[in-house]
Amino acid sequence: MAIYLVGDIQGCYNELIALLKQVEFDHHEDILYVAGDLVARGPDSLATLRFIKSLGENAKVVLGNHDLHLLSVYAGIKKAKQSDKLAELLAADDIDELMNWLAAQPLIQKIPNTTNSLQSANEASFGYMSHAGISPQWTLTEALSQADFVHKKLSSRDRNPWLTLMYGEEPNSWYQAKTETEKFRYSINALTRMRFCFKDGSLEFNNKESPKAVLLPNIYPWFELSKTLEQTPWVFGHWASLMGESSNHNIYPLDTGCVWGNHLTLLRWHDKKLFTQLAM
């Protein structure tokens, strides 16, 4: 059994299949972790969702911001943009089944350390994956707790009212989140939208560029501020302009902008080897 982790697919189904063939992925034995944003802007979001869902327990998914937005579009809360190329998916005869499956996915996945045959229950024995990262204002315990809180809301029968409440950028600091709604919104923003943070760890939403291109002295990549990363490996997507590069040896940024004409990236966990497939 091998564990593989893939960055933002965003409907790039053909590239995903080619990448899995490249590593001879075994659908019955190997595990595929998907770092969120399965859908939107690529040519085949429907085939992507159907395929990942068909893997059953051999697929471990986290929700990304585009996945959450799709759930809102499906619920009638927001309208789809033509550029998201979701029309075929939304008209599919199995759309209800697909959306219920998607809404049941968590925001953080634990990745076992397969190189340790005597793996303990210590959290340091594992890596973790979320779409955008972990808030510098959270401990690992807080992050897991808040991810579980959001997961319970989105997988409940009251999903739609909570989806309505997730939009907005306030509060951008965990220390200002007092109500359930504020904690819900902050948690979604931290786990699915975060890139840069201010020095105190509060979220900054205006910049999407590579850290090398941002000259503002008072904002930092979230992974330069998080103390969790001192002991805990973290896999994430979302930040295509990083193109897999980082200043922290304990993170693995996997969004390499396949939907923008670059390539899709797959990480084999036990030896950290990267595999890529150019956009077709």
Protein backbone atom coordinates (compact mmCIF):
# COMPACT_ATOMS: atom_id res chain seq x y z
CA MET A 1 0.00 0.00 0.00
CA ALA A 2 1.21 3.48 -0.87
CA ILE A 3 -0.16 6.88 0.12
CA TYR A 4 -0.33 9.56 -2.54
CA LEU A 5 -1.41 13.17 -2.15
CA VAL A 6 -2.56 15.38 -4.99
CA GLY A 7 -2.99 19.13 -5.26
CA ASP A 8 -5.96 21.12 -6.58
CA ILE A 9 -7.53 19.09 -9.40
CA GLN A 10 -10.21 21.68 -10.29
CA GLY A 11 -11.86 19.52 -12.91
CA CYS A 12 -8.60 18.51 -14.63
CA TYR A 13 -9.76 14.90 -14.82
CA ASN A 14 -7.59 13.73 -17.71
CA GLU A 15 -4.44 15.02 -16.01
CA LEU A 16 -5.42 13.26 -12.78
CA ILE A 17 -5.93 9.92 -14.52
CA ALA A 18 -2.65 10.28 -16.42
CA LEU A 19 -0.82 11.08 -13.19
CA LEU A 20 -2.28 8.04 -11.41
CA LYS A 21 -1.31 5.82 -14.35
CA GLN A 22 2.20 7.24 -14.15
CA VAL A 23 2.61 5.91 -10.59
CA GLU A 24 0.60 2.73 -11.26
CA PHE A 25 -1.94 3.68 -8.60
CA ASP A 26 -3.78 0.62 -7.28
CA HIS A 27 -7.42 1.55 -6.66
CA HIS A 28 -7.82 -1.30 -4.18
CA GLU A 29 -4.63 -0.95 -2.15
CA ASP A 30 -3.29 2.60 -2.46
CA ILE A 31 -4.78 5.68 -0.80
CA LEU A 32 -5.25 9.02 -2.54
CA TYR A 33 -5.43 12.17 -0.44
CA VAL A 34 -6.98 15.14 -2.27
CA ALA A 35 -6.09 18.62 -1.01
CA GLY A 36 -9.42 20.25 -1.86
CA ASP A 37 -10.77 22.18 -4.85
CA LEU A 38 -11.79 19.10 -6.76
CA VAL A 39 -13.98 21.24 -9.00
CA ALA A 40 -14.35 24.52 -10.91
CA ARG A 41 -12.64 26.17 -13.87
CA GLY A 42 -11.34 22.94 -15.34
CA PRO A 43 -13.06 21.04 -18.16
CA ASP A 44 -14.50 18.05 -16.28
CA SER A 45 -15.59 18.61 -12.69
CA LEU A 46 -18.32 15.98 -13.04
CA ALA A 47 -15.96 13.16 -14.02
CA THR A 48 -13.54 14.24 -11.28
CA LEU A 49 -16.16 14.05 -8.54
CA ARG A 50 -17.53 10.76 -9.79
CA PHE A 51 -14.07 9.22 -9.92
CA ILE A 52 -12.91 10.37 -6.48
CA LYS A 53 -16.22 9.26 -4.96
CA SER A 54 -15.87 5.85 -6.66
CA LEU A 55 -12.62 5.22 -4.77
CA GLY A 56 -14.59 4.93 -1.53
CA GLU A 57 -12.35 4.58 1.51
CA ASN A 58 -9.29 4.73 -0.74
CA ALA A 59 -9.87 8.46 -1.22
CA LYS A 60 -9.33 10.93 1.64
CA VAL A 61 -10.65 14.37 0.71
CA VAL A 62 -10.65 17.78 2.33
CA LEU A 63 -12.95 20.58 1.24
CA GLY A 64 -11.56 23.60 -0.57
CA ASN A 65 -13.10 27.01 -1.15
CA HIS A 66 -14.34 26.04 -4.63
CA ASP A 67 -15.96 22.89 -3.24
CA LEU A 68 -17.77 24.93 -0.59
CA HIS A 69 -18.88 27.45 -3.19
CA LEU A 70 -20.25 24.62 -5.34
CA LEU A 71 -22.35 23.47 -2.37
CA SER A 72 -23.72 27.01 -2.07
CA VAL A 73 -24.54 27.12 -5.78
CA TYR A 74 -26.29 23.76 -5.52
CA ALA A 75 -28.30 25.07 -2.56
CA GLY A 76 -29.35 28.19 -4.49
CA ILE A 77 -27.42 30.51 -2.19
CA LYS A 78 -25.03 31.71 -4.91
CA LYS A 79 -25.01 31.67 -8.70
CA ALA A 80 -22.40 29.79 -10.68
CA LYS A 81 -20.00 31.80 -12.80
CA GLN A 82 -19.66 30.75 -16.43
CA SER A 83 -15.89 30.55 -15.91
CA ASP A 84 -16.36 27.83 -13.28
CA LYS A 85 -17.68 25.42 -15.96
CA LEU A 86 -20.10 23.71 -13.59
CA ALA A 87 -23.17 23.47 -15.85
CA GLU A 88 -22.71 19.79 -16.74
CA LEU A 89 -22.11 18.87 -13.12
CA LEU A 90 -25.14 20.76 -11.83
CA ALA A 91 -27.35 19.11 -14.48
CA ALA A 92 -26.13 15.57 -13.74
CA ASP A 93 -28.70 12.97 -12.76
CA ASP A 94 -26.62 12.01 -9.73
CA ILE A 95 -26.05 15.60 -8.53
CA ASP A 96 -27.89 15.06 -5.23
CA GLU A 97 -25.79 12.02 -4.38
CA LEU A 98 -22.57 13.82 -5.35
CA MET A 99 -23.37 16.91 -3.29
CA ASN A 100 -24.33 14.90 -0.21
CA TRP A 101 -21.04 13.01 -0.53
CA LEU A 102 -19.07 16.24 -0.97
CA ALA A 103 -20.71 17.92 2.02
CA ALA A 104 -19.74 14.95 4.20
CA GLN A 105 -16.01 15.49 3.60
CA PRO A 106 -13.89 17.02 6.40
CA LEU A 107 -11.64 20.09 6.38
CA ILE A 108 -8.58 18.33 7.84
CA GLN A 109 -7.28 14.82 7.19
CA LYS A 110 -4.68 12.99 9.27
CA ILE A 111 -1.93 11.31 7.25
CA PRO A 112 -0.28 8.25 8.86
CA ASN A 113 3.49 8.08 8.91
CA THR A 114 3.88 4.90 6.90
CA THR A 115 7.63 4.75 7.48
CA ASN A 116 7.10 4.11 11.19
CA SER A 117 6.09 0.50 11.76
CA LEU A 118 5.74 1.14 15.49
CA GLN A 119 3.55 4.18 15.04
CA SER A 120 2.31 5.61 18.34
CA ALA A 121 -0.83 7.56 19.10
CA ASN A 122 1.25 10.70 19.53
CA GLU A 123 0.00 13.42 17.18
CA ALA A 124 3.61 14.07 16.14
CA SER A 125 3.55 10.65 14.45
CA PHE A 126 1.25 12.01 11.77
CA GLY A 127 1.11 14.62 9.08
CA TYR A 128 -1.99 16.62 8.26
CA MET A 129 -3.69 18.02 5.21
CA SER A 130 -6.08 20.93 4.75
CA HIS A 131 -6.80 23.00 1.68
CA ALA A 132 -5.10 26.24 2.77
CA GLY A 133 -3.08 25.35 5.87
CA ILE A 134 -3.38 25.86 9.63
CA SER A 135 -3.98 29.24 11.24
CA PRO A 136 -0.92 30.57 13.11
CA GLN A 137 -3.34 31.54 15.89
CA TRP A 138 -4.30 27.90 16.47
CA THR A 139 -2.64 24.99 18.18
CA LEU A 140 -3.05 21.65 16.42
CA THR A 141 -5.71 20.70 18.95
CA GLU A 142 -7.68 23.88 18.24
CA ALA A 143 -7.42 23.34 14.50
CA LEU A 144 -8.72 19.77 14.72
CA SER A 145 -11.53 20.86 17.03
CA GLN A 146 -12.65 23.69 14.75
CA ALA A 147 -12.42 21.53 11.64
CA ASP A 148 -14.67 18.98 13.35
CA PHE A 149 -17.10 21.74 14.38
CA VAL A 150 -17.43 22.93 10.77
CA HIS A 151 -17.67 19.37 9.47
CA LYS A 152 -20.61 18.61 11.76
CA LYS A 153 -22.46 21.72 10.61
CA LEU A 154 -21.93 21.06 6.91
CA SER A 155 -22.80 17.38 7.08
CA SER A 156 -26.01 18.03 9.02
CA ARG A 157 -29.54 18.64 7.75
CA ASP A 158 -29.01 22.33 8.55
CA ARG A 159 -26.18 22.62 6.02
CA ASN A 160 -27.69 25.37 3.89
CA PRO A 161 -28.14 28.02 6.62
CA TRP A 162 -24.53 27.48 7.65
CA LEU A 163 -23.34 27.78 4.06
CA THR A 164 -25.08 31.15 3.93
CA LEU A 165 -23.18 32.27 7.04
CA MET A 166 -19.71 31.34 5.76
CA TYR A 167 -19.34 34.32 3.42
CA GLY A 168 -17.40 37.35 4.67
CA GLU A 169 -13.94 38.22 5.96
CA GLU A 170 -14.75 39.15 9.55
CA PRO A 171 -13.52 38.32 12.02
CA ASN A 172 -10.05 37.80 10.55
CA SER A 173 -8.61 37.02 13.99
CA TRP A 174 -9.43 33.92 16.01
CA TYR A 175 -9.25 35.96 19.20
CA GLN A 176 -12.16 38.08 17.98
CA ALA A 177 -14.37 35.10 17.11
CA LYS A 178 -16.83 34.84 19.99
CA THR A 179 -20.09 33.44 18.56
CA GLU A 180 -20.63 30.12 16.80
CA THR A 181 -21.18 31.98 13.53
CA GLU A 182 -17.93 33.93 13.90
CA LYS A 183 -15.97 30.78 14.76
CA PHE A 184 -17.54 28.94 11.83
CA ARG A 185 -16.68 31.69 9.34
CA TYR A 186 -13.15 32.20 10.67
CA SER A 187 -12.46 28.46 10.58
CA ILE A 188 -13.58 28.12 6.97
CA ASN A 189 -11.52 31.14 5.95
CA ALA A 190 -8.43 29.85 7.75
CA LEU A 191 -8.69 26.31 6.42
CA THR A 192 -9.76 27.06 2.84
CA ARG A 193 -8.81 30.67 1.92
CA MET A 194 -5.72 31.67 3.91
CA ARG A 195 -2.43 32.59 2.25
CA PHE A 196 -0.84 35.57 3.98
CA CYS A 197 -1.26 36.67 7.59
CA PHE A 198 -0.34 39.77 9.54
CA LYS A 199 2.40 39.47 12.15
CA ASP A 200 -0.14 38.69 14.90
CA GLY A 201 -1.45 35.76 12.84
CA SER A 202 -4.68 37.42 11.71
CA LEU A 203 -5.76 36.65 8.16
CA GLU A 204 -4.95 38.87 5.18
CA PHE A 205 -7.16 38.33 2.14
CA ASN A 206 -5.93 40.71 -0.56
CA ASN A 207 -2.75 39.04 -1.80
CA LYS A 208 -2.50 35.86 -3.85
CA GLU A 209 0.97 36.27 -5.31
CA SER A 210 4.11 34.34 -4.47
CA PRO A 211 5.79 35.64 -1.28
CA LYS A 212 8.69 36.68 -3.49
CA ALA A 213 6.40 39.08 -5.34
CA VAL A 214 4.84 40.71 -2.24
CA LEU A 215 6.85 43.65 -0.98
CA LEU A 216 4.61 44.64 1.93
CA PRO A 217 6.67 44.43 5.15
CA ASN A 218 3.83 43.64 7.52
CA ILE A 219 2.41 40.45 6.00
CA TYR A 220 3.89 36.95 5.98
CA PRO A 221 3.05 33.54 4.52
CA TRP A 222 1.01 31.68 7.13
CA PHE A 223 3.64 28.93 7.30
CA GLU A 224 6.31 31.37 8.46
CA LEU A 225 4.22 32.16 11.56
CA SER A 226 2.78 28.78 12.58
CA LYS A 227 4.50 27.09 15.53
CA THR A 228 2.62 23.86 14.79
CA LEU A 229 4.91 23.26 11.84
CA GLU A 230 7.94 22.94 14.10
CA GLN A 231 6.90 19.32 14.75
CA THR A 232 3.99 18.59 12.42
CA PRO A 233 4.20 18.13 8.63
CA TRP A 234 1.40 19.87 6.73
CA VAL A 235 0.17 19.27 3.19
CA PHE A 236 -1.96 21.89 1.45
CA GLY A 237 -3.06 23.24 -1.91
CA HIS A 238 -4.82 26.52 -2.73
CA TRP A 239 -1.74 28.70 -3.34
CA ALA A 240 -0.88 28.10 -6.99
CA SER A 241 1.63 30.94 -7.22
CA LEU A 242 3.93 29.08 -4.80
CA MET A 243 4.40 26.44 -7.53
CA GLY A 244 5.43 23.94 -4.86
CA GLU A 245 8.12 26.12 -3.29
CA SER A 246 8.30 27.11 0.38
CA SER A 247 10.65 28.38 3.04
CA ASN A 248 9.62 25.66 5.52
CA HIS A 249 10.89 22.07 5.22
CA ASN A 250 7.85 20.71 7.05
CA ILE A 251 5.21 21.79 4.54
CA TYR A 252 4.21 20.38 1.17
CA PRO A 253 2.41 22.85 -1.12
CA LEU A 254 0.81 20.82 -3.90
CA ASP A 255 -1.20 23.31 -5.95
CA THR A 256 0.88 23.89 -9.06
CA GLY A 257 -1.81 25.51 -11.20
CA CYS A 258 -2.81 22.72 -13.56
CA VAL A 259 -6.06 24.53 -14.34
CA TRP A 260 -3.99 27.58 -15.33
CA GLY A 261 -1.94 25.60 -17.84
CA ASN A 262 0.90 24.48 -15.57
CA HIS A 263 0.88 20.97 -14.10
CA LEU A 264 -0.78 18.68 -11.57
CA THR A 265 1.44 17.44 -8.73
CA LEU A 266 1.30 14.16 -6.83
CA LEU A 267 3.35 13.44 -3.69
CA ARG A 268 4.23 9.90 -2.63
CA TRP A 269 4.21 10.10 1.14
CA HIS A 270 6.69 7.47 2.31
CA ASP A 271 9.65 8.88 0.38
CA LYS A 272 8.29 12.39 -0.44
CA LYS A 273 8.89 11.88 -4.15
CA LEU A 274 6.99 14.24 -6.47
CA PHE A 275 5.35 13.31 -9.75
CA THR A 276 3.92 15.81 -12.21
CA GLN A 277 1.61 15.81 -15.21
CA LEU A 278 1.53 18.77 -17.59
CA ALA A 279 -1.83 20.32 -18.38
CA MET A 280 -3.23 18.79 -21.55
